[in-house]
């Protein structure tokens, strides 16, 4: 049962997953870089604003120290000159306000245009008065319109360090500085993203080579596992009836029903494995019972029932086959109860076992046995219908009924390489679908 090489899928899967991973990392790294750079540059601009308001308060302090006037009068004189200092190329103060400890406005000035002045004054009025300690400067960014402004507050002190007033104002970042900030952020973000994709491109051939080696090894392992199923199933089938065609037919029947009812790929793999190994436990049944041409008596039937436990023990020892135990253990249970080994019923029986119960009986009825001749299609379906709701799941039997005739014509009584090739096509479809088949049973 040679499988389609897994390495065929590796290049595409690796390219897609590395591409997705690199893209996500690049987005995250770019976003982090953007935020970090923006914060750092905003901090630089805020430092310019701090220097500006410090320079402004220093001029105010010099005015009321050098001249014999009240500090508040000095504040008013500075602001009435309309000479609010421009701070480097980062921007300038467009709205400044001085207030005392009672929140009374001492002096204020504005150099913004009329429309902007209205918005700034409205925003200034909405800001609560705060009273920072000497040496403290409070800074926050406030967007007004589509432009960010820095809002700064700091105390004004005399030469002795005593607070005589508080200054607050809006620092407008210049368009040149805004463009510089934007260019710096974009440039650094692009650089980080480019580095991520470059590293990914350098790692890709290394990872691809490793993945191809793993895929080759996994393909060999999968082939070995499938060959093990074939050997185990064929061994008991030949011991039971001198042919493994029964295993091929029931597995094909079960797989067709599974596709009809919409089983997942994982469930289909489990169903195929379990169907092929359903009677593996018969290897532990004595020949005089297993090969008896007539009906078994009660004691012999009890011995025959033990093949279920033998099968569970055999399949349960292999992690890759362990999920097939559901078919091996429960395919003799009946939908209304009364089956073995656990006498469960309804949906307590795994769906793959309920499917296989139909196919096992269907093939037994339509096949030659030492003690009987095969029944035709109509006779077989009549017997199955009699077991509807008692032996078989009604919904699954109805689903089988829609394809039963075509399956009978195609497989019933057939033997040889034709069945084997059909089964190989299912194996290629469900056991070579991708890397997910490497997941073993729990």
Foldseek 3Di string as FASTA:
>chain_A
DAADFQLVCLVVVLVVVLVVVLVVVLVVLLVVLLVVLLVVLVVVLVVLVVVQVVVVLVQLQCQCVVDVDDSLVSNAVSQVVVCRDARDQFFGFAKKWKFAPVRHTSHIHGDDDPVVVVQQVVVVVVDDDDADAAPDKDWDWDDDDNFIWIWIKHFRAHPVRDGPIIMITTTGTHPVSVVVSVVVSVVVSVVSSVVSVVVSVVCSVVVSVVVSVVSNVLSVVVVVVVVVLVCLLQVVVCLQPNASLLLLLLLVLLLVLCVLVPPDLVVNVLLNSLSSLQQSLCVPQDCCLSHPQDDDDPVSVVSSLCSLVSSQVVQCVDQQSNSSNLQNQPLQAAQQFDGDDPRDHNVVRPPSSLSSNLSSQLQVQQEDGSNDHHDDPVVSLVVVVVRDNTRHDNVSNVSSVVCVVVSCVVRRHDHDDVSVVVVVVVCNVSCNVHDVNSDTHD
